[in-house]
Amino acid sequence: MAFKNSSDSSGISVISLSCITNKNRNICEHIHLFYKTIIGTPIIFWEFEDNILPQNSTFQQSPSATGDDCHYNIKNLTNREARKIIIKQSPSAFQVCIDKKIVPFNEKYISS
């Protein structure tokens, strides 16, 4: 799971759930539509509120190379801060896309 700054310094890549919902898709359908060539499987994601981020962090809308206008970059968040945030999350905070449907996370999805 990636929750760190892009190598091109554009920020931490996220997508807006409200934007996706407004397009009458679920997040799994949306990810498959725009990111199927660059993501791993299974798709594991985490919904979060912006109030968990440091006050100086901002969201900058930045349409993806695939044309996703629901794509944003989180700016002013270091990888160290991002890591602290994500490791505080319990496994139950994560969800998985299976056949474009959302299912609860289970450690079997990350076992090799």
N, C-alpha and C. Protein backbone atom coordinates (compact mmCIF):
# COMPACT_ATOMS: atom_id res chain seq x y z
N MET A 1 0.85 -1.17 0.00
CA MET A 1 0.00 0.00 0.00
C MET A 1 0.89 1.23 0.00
N ALA A 2 0.61 2.14 -0.89
CA ALA A 2 1.43 3.35 -1.01
C ALA A 2 0.74 4.52 -0.33
N PHE A 3 1.40 5.11 0.63
CA PHE A 3 0.96 6.38 1.23
C PHE A 3 2.22 7.16 1.50
N LYS A 4 2.85 7.56 0.39
CA LYS A 4 4.09 8.32 0.48
C LYS A 4 4.17 9.23 -0.74
N ASN A 5 5.06 10.18 -0.66
CA ASN A 5 5.21 11.15 -1.73
C ASN A 5 5.71 10.50 -3.01
N SER A 6 5.20 11.00 -4.11
CA SER A 6 5.63 10.52 -5.43
C SER A 6 7.08 10.88 -5.67
N SER A 7 7.75 10.09 -6.45
CA SER A 7 9.16 10.35 -6.75
C SER A 7 9.35 11.66 -7.52
N ASP A 8 8.29 12.16 -8.15
CA ASP A 8 8.39 13.42 -8.90
C ASP A 8 8.07 14.64 -8.04
N SER A 9 7.94 14.44 -6.72
CA SER A 9 7.67 15.51 -5.76
C SER A 9 6.30 16.18 -5.93
N SER A 10 5.37 15.50 -6.58
CA SER A 10 4.04 16.09 -6.78
C SER A 10 3.15 15.94 -5.54
N GLY A 11 3.54 15.10 -4.59
CA GLY A 11 2.75 14.92 -3.38
C GLY A 11 2.30 13.48 -3.24
N ILE A 12 1.42 13.25 -2.28
CA ILE A 12 0.86 11.92 -2.05
C ILE A 12 -0.43 11.83 -2.84
N SER A 13 -0.50 10.85 -3.70
CA SER A 13 -1.62 10.69 -4.62
C SER A 13 -2.82 10.06 -3.92
N VAL A 14 -3.98 10.73 -4.00
CA VAL A 14 -5.23 10.22 -3.44
C VAL A 14 -6.36 10.52 -4.41
N ILE A 15 -7.50 9.88 -4.16
CA ILE A 15 -8.69 10.19 -4.96
C ILE A 15 -9.83 10.56 -4.01
N SER A 16 -10.69 11.45 -4.47
CA SER A 16 -11.78 11.97 -3.67
C SER A 16 -13.00 11.06 -3.76
N LEU A 17 -13.41 10.52 -2.62
CA LEU A 17 -14.57 9.64 -2.60
C LEU A 17 -15.85 10.38 -2.98
N SER A 18 -16.01 11.61 -2.52
CA SER A 18 -17.22 12.36 -2.87
C SER A 18 -17.29 12.61 -4.37
N CYS A 19 -16.16 12.88 -4.99
CA CYS A 19 -16.11 13.07 -6.44
C CYS A 19 -16.52 11.78 -7.16
N ILE A 20 -15.99 10.66 -6.70
CA ILE A 20 -16.32 9.35 -7.30
C ILE A 20 -17.80 9.05 -7.15
N THR A 21 -18.33 9.28 -5.94
CA THR A 21 -19.75 9.03 -5.67
C THR A 21 -20.64 9.87 -6.58
N ASN A 22 -20.23 11.11 -6.80
CA ASN A 22 -20.99 11.99 -7.70
C ASN A 22 -21.03 11.48 -9.13
N LYS A 23 -20.13 10.60 -9.47
CA LYS A 23 -20.09 10.01 -10.81
C LYS A 23 -20.81 8.66 -10.86
N ASN A 24 -21.51 8.34 -9.76
CA ASN A 24 -22.29 7.09 -9.66
C ASN A 24 -21.46 5.84 -9.86
N ARG A 25 -20.24 5.85 -9.28
CA ARG A 25 -19.38 4.67 -9.30
C ARG A 25 -18.97 4.37 -7.87
N ASN A 26 -18.60 3.11 -7.62
CA ASN A 26 -17.96 2.86 -6.34
C ASN A 26 -16.46 3.00 -6.55
N ILE A 27 -15.73 3.04 -5.47
CA ILE A 27 -14.30 3.30 -5.58
C ILE A 27 -13.56 2.21 -6.36
N CYS A 28 -14.03 0.97 -6.24
CA CYS A 28 -13.38 -0.13 -6.96
C CYS A 28 -13.57 0.03 -8.48
N GLU A 29 -14.77 0.38 -8.88
CA GLU A 29 -15.03 0.62 -10.31
C GLU A 29 -14.17 1.77 -10.82
N HIS A 30 -14.07 2.80 -10.01
CA HIS A 30 -13.30 3.98 -10.40
C HIS A 30 -11.81 3.66 -10.54
N ILE A 31 -11.27 2.96 -9.57
CA ILE A 31 -9.84 2.59 -9.63
C ILE A 31 -9.58 1.71 -10.85
N HIS A 32 -10.46 0.77 -11.08
CA HIS A 32 -10.29 -0.12 -12.24
C HIS A 32 -10.36 0.68 -13.55
N LEU A 33 -11.26 1.65 -13.62
CA LEU A 33 -11.42 2.45 -14.82
C LEU A 33 -10.18 3.29 -15.13
N PHE A 34 -9.61 3.92 -14.11
CA PHE A 34 -8.52 4.87 -14.35
C PHE A 34 -7.12 4.34 -14.07
N TYR A 35 -7.00 3.29 -13.26
CA TYR A 35 -5.67 2.89 -12.80
C TYR A 35 -5.33 1.42 -13.01
N LYS A 36 -6.13 0.70 -13.77
CA LYS A 36 -5.94 -0.75 -13.89
C LYS A 36 -4.58 -1.16 -14.44
N THR A 37 -3.93 -0.28 -15.19
CA THR A 37 -2.62 -0.65 -15.75
C THR A 37 -1.46 -0.37 -14.80
N ILE A 38 -1.71 0.33 -13.69
CA ILE A 38 -0.60 0.69 -12.81
C ILE A 38 -0.75 0.18 -11.38
N ILE A 39 -1.86 -0.47 -11.07
CA ILE A 39 -2.08 -0.92 -9.70
C ILE A 39 -1.79 -2.40 -9.54
N GLY A 40 -1.53 -2.79 -8.31
CA GLY A 40 -1.37 -4.21 -8.00
C GLY A 40 -2.71 -4.80 -7.61
N THR A 41 -2.72 -6.08 -7.40
CA THR A 41 -3.94 -6.73 -6.95
C THR A 41 -3.64 -7.55 -5.70
N PRO A 42 -4.52 -7.63 -4.79
CA PRO A 42 -5.81 -6.95 -4.85
C PRO A 42 -5.64 -5.46 -4.54
N ILE A 43 -6.63 -4.68 -4.90
CA ILE A 43 -6.63 -3.25 -4.58
C ILE A 43 -7.03 -3.13 -3.11
N ILE A 44 -6.16 -2.54 -2.32
CA ILE A 44 -6.44 -2.30 -0.91
C ILE A 44 -6.47 -0.79 -0.72
N PHE A 45 -7.52 -0.30 -0.10
CA PHE A 45 -7.62 1.15 0.09
C PHE A 45 -8.13 1.48 1.49
N TRP A 46 -8.06 2.76 1.78
CA TRP A 46 -8.39 3.26 3.11
C TRP A 46 -9.05 4.62 2.93
N GLU A 47 -10.21 4.78 3.51
CA GLU A 47 -10.90 6.08 3.50
C GLU A 47 -10.50 6.82 4.76
N PHE A 48 -10.18 8.11 4.61
CA PHE A 48 -9.82 8.89 5.79
C PHE A 48 -10.34 10.31 5.67
N GLU A 49 -10.49 10.94 6.80
CA GLU A 49 -10.90 12.34 6.86
C GLU A 49 -9.66 13.21 6.87
N ASP A 50 -9.75 14.37 6.28
CA ASP A 50 -8.58 15.24 6.19
C ASP A 50 -8.11 15.78 7.54
N ASN A 51 -8.93 15.67 8.58
CA ASN A 51 -8.51 16.19 9.88
C ASN A 51 -7.43 15.35 10.55
N ILE A 52 -7.07 14.21 9.96
CA ILE A 52 -5.96 13.42 10.52
C ILE A 52 -4.60 13.93 10.03
N LEU A 53 -4.64 14.83 9.06
CA LEU A 53 -3.40 15.37 8.49
C LEU A 53 -2.94 16.60 9.27
N PRO A 54 -1.64 16.89 9.24
CA PRO A 54 -1.15 18.12 9.87
C PRO A 54 -1.84 19.34 9.26
N GLN A 55 -1.98 20.39 10.05
CA GLN A 55 -2.71 21.58 9.60
C GLN A 55 -2.16 22.21 8.33
N ASN A 56 -0.87 22.10 8.11
CA ASN A 56 -0.29 22.75 6.92
C ASN A 56 -0.44 21.92 5.65
N SER A 57 -0.97 20.71 5.77
CA SER A 57 -1.17 19.86 4.59
C SER A 57 -2.34 20.38 3.77
N THR A 58 -2.22 20.28 2.46
CA THR A 58 -3.28 20.75 1.57
C THR A 58 -3.54 19.71 0.49
N PHE A 59 -4.74 19.78 -0.08
CA PHE A 59 -5.10 18.93 -1.21
C PHE A 59 -5.09 19.79 -2.47
N GLN A 60 -4.41 19.31 -3.48
CA GLN A 60 -4.35 20.03 -4.75
C GLN A 60 -4.93 19.13 -5.83
N GLN A 61 -6.04 19.58 -6.44
CA GLN A 61 -6.61 18.77 -7.51
C GLN A 61 -5.62 18.73 -8.66
N SER A 62 -5.42 17.52 -9.17
CA SER A 62 -4.46 17.32 -10.24
C SER A 62 -4.91 16.13 -11.07
N PRO A 63 -5.65 16.39 -12.15
CA PRO A 63 -6.13 15.26 -12.97
C PRO A 63 -4.98 14.32 -13.32
N SER A 64 -5.26 13.04 -13.23
CA SER A 64 -4.23 12.03 -13.51
C SER A 64 -3.93 11.97 -15.00
N ALA A 65 -2.86 11.29 -15.32
CA ALA A 65 -2.48 11.10 -16.73
C ALA A 65 -3.55 10.31 -17.49
N THR A 66 -4.38 9.57 -16.75
CA THR A 66 -5.45 8.79 -17.38
C THR A 66 -6.76 9.57 -17.47
N GLY A 67 -6.75 10.83 -17.02
CA GLY A 67 -7.93 11.68 -17.13
C GLY A 67 -8.84 11.68 -15.92
N ASP A 68 -8.36 11.19 -14.79
CA ASP A 68 -9.18 11.15 -13.58
C ASP A 68 -9.21 12.52 -12.92
N ASP A 69 -10.36 13.19 -13.00
CA ASP A 69 -10.47 14.50 -12.37
C ASP A 69 -10.81 14.41 -10.87
N CYS A 70 -10.92 13.20 -10.35
CA CYS A 70 -11.11 12.99 -8.90
C CYS A 70 -9.78 12.80 -8.19
N HIS A 71 -8.69 12.91 -8.92
CA HIS A 71 -7.35 12.72 -8.38
C HIS A 71 -6.83 14.01 -7.74
N TYR A 72 -6.23 13.85 -6.56
CA TYR A 72 -5.63 14.96 -5.83
C TYR A 72 -4.25 14.55 -5.35
N ASN A 73 -3.44 15.55 -5.05
CA ASN A 73 -2.15 15.33 -4.40
C ASN A 73 -2.19 16.01 -3.04
N ILE A 74 -1.76 15.29 -2.02
CA ILE A 74 -1.60 15.91 -0.70
C ILE A 74 -0.23 16.55 -0.69
N LYS A 75 -0.21 17.83 -0.40
CA LYS A 75 1.03 18.60 -0.35
C LYS A 75 1.40 18.89 1.11
N ASN A 76 2.66 19.13 1.34
CA ASN A 76 3.18 19.51 2.66
C ASN A 76 2.98 18.42 3.71
N LEU A 77 3.16 17.18 3.29
CA LEU A 77 3.13 16.04 4.21
C LEU A 77 4.36 15.21 3.91
N THR A 78 5.24 15.08 4.89
CA THR A 78 6.46 14.32 4.66
C THR A 78 6.16 12.82 4.69
N ASN A 79 7.06 12.05 4.13
CA ASN A 79 6.90 10.59 4.18
C ASN A 79 6.89 10.09 5.62
N ARG A 80 7.67 10.72 6.46
CA ARG A 80 7.71 10.33 7.88
C ARG A 80 6.35 10.57 8.54
N GLU A 81 5.75 11.75 8.27
CA GLU A 81 4.43 12.05 8.82
C GLU A 81 3.38 11.08 8.26
N ALA A 82 3.46 10.79 6.97
CA ALA A 82 2.52 9.88 6.33
C ALA A 82 2.61 8.49 6.95
N ARG A 83 3.83 8.04 7.17
CA ARG A 83 4.03 6.71 7.77
C ARG A 83 3.43 6.65 9.17
N LYS A 84 3.64 7.69 9.95
CA LYS A 84 3.07 7.73 11.31
C LYS A 84 1.55 7.64 11.27
N ILE A 85 0.95 8.29 10.30
CA ILE A 85 -0.51 8.28 10.16
C ILE A 85 -1.01 6.89 9.79
N ILE A 86 -0.40 6.30 8.79
CA ILE A 86 -0.94 5.03 8.29
C ILE A 86 -0.69 3.87 9.26
N ILE A 87 0.41 3.89 9.99
CA ILE A 87 0.64 2.76 10.91
C ILE A 87 -0.26 2.83 12.14
N LYS A 88 -0.88 3.97 12.38
CA LYS A 88 -1.83 4.09 13.48
C LYS A 88 -3.18 3.45 13.14
N GLN A 89 -3.40 3.15 11.88
CA GLN A 89 -4.69 2.62 11.44
C GLN A 89 -4.80 1.13 11.75
N SER A 90 -5.95 0.72 12.21
CA SER A 90 -6.17 -0.71 12.46
C SER A 90 -6.48 -1.40 11.13
N PRO A 91 -6.23 -2.69 11.05
CA PRO A 91 -6.55 -3.41 9.81
C PRO A 91 -8.01 -3.23 9.38
N SER A 92 -8.91 -3.06 10.33
CA SER A 92 -10.33 -2.90 9.99
C SER A 92 -10.62 -1.58 9.27
N ALA A 93 -9.65 -0.65 9.26
CA ALA A 93 -9.83 0.62 8.55
C ALA A 93 -9.68 0.44 7.03
N PHE A 94 -9.11 -0.68 6.62
CA PHE A 94 -8.83 -0.91 5.20
C PHE A 94 -9.92 -1.76 4.57
N GLN A 95 -10.08 -1.56 3.26
CA GLN A 95 -11.04 -2.34 2.49
C GLN A 95 -10.33 -2.84 1.23
N VAL A 96 -10.95 -3.81 0.59
CA VAL A 96 -10.33 -4.46 -0.57
C VAL A 96 -11.35 -4.50 -1.70
N CYS A 97 -10.85 -4.38 -2.92
CA CYS A 97 -11.69 -4.54 -4.10
C CYS A 97 -11.52 -5.96 -4.62
N ILE A 98 -12.61 -6.68 -4.69
CA ILE A 98 -12.64 -8.01 -5.27
C ILE A 98 -13.74 -8.00 -6.32
N ASP A 99 -13.37 -8.24 -7.57
CA ASP A 99 -14.34 -8.20 -8.67
C ASP A 99 -15.14 -6.91 -8.69
N LYS A 100 -14.45 -5.79 -8.48
CA LYS A 100 -15.02 -4.44 -8.47
C LYS A 100 -16.05 -4.21 -7.36
N LYS A 101 -16.01 -5.07 -6.34
CA LYS A 101 -16.87 -4.91 -5.18
C LYS A 101 -16.00 -4.68 -3.95
N ILE A 102 -16.53 -3.92 -3.00
CA ILE A 102 -15.80 -3.59 -1.78
C ILE A 102 -16.06 -4.66 -0.72
N VAL A 103 -14.97 -5.21 -0.18
CA VAL A 103 -15.09 -6.20 0.89
C VAL A 103 -14.15 -5.79 2.03
N PRO A 104 -14.45 -6.24 3.26
CA PRO A 104 -13.57 -5.91 4.39
C PRO A 104 -12.18 -6.50 4.18
N PHE A 105 -11.20 -5.82 4.70
CA PHE A 105 -9.82 -6.29 4.63
C PHE A 105 -9.66 -7.56 5.46
N ASN A 106 -8.83 -8.46 4.95
CA ASN A 106 -8.46 -9.68 5.65
C ASN A 106 -7.01 -9.91 5.32
N GLU A 107 -6.22 -10.31 6.29
CA GLU A 107 -4.78 -10.48 6.07
C GLU A 107 -4.47 -11.49 4.98
N LYS A 108 -5.40 -12.35 4.62
CA LYS A 108 -5.15 -13.32 3.54
C LYS A 108 -4.88 -12.61 2.22
N TYR A 109 -5.36 -11.36 2.10
CA TYR A 109 -5.16 -10.61 0.86
C TYR A 109 -3.72 -10.12 0.68
N ILE A 110 -2.93 -10.15 1.74
CA ILE A 110 -1.54 -9.72 1.62
C ILE A 110 -0.56 -10.85 1.85
N SER A 111 -1.04 -12.02 2.11
CA SER A 111 -0.16 -13.17 2.31
C SER A 111 0.46 -13.59 1.00
N SER A 112 1.72 -14.02 1.06
CA SER A 112 2.36 -14.44 -0.19
C SER A 112 2.32 -15.93 -0.36
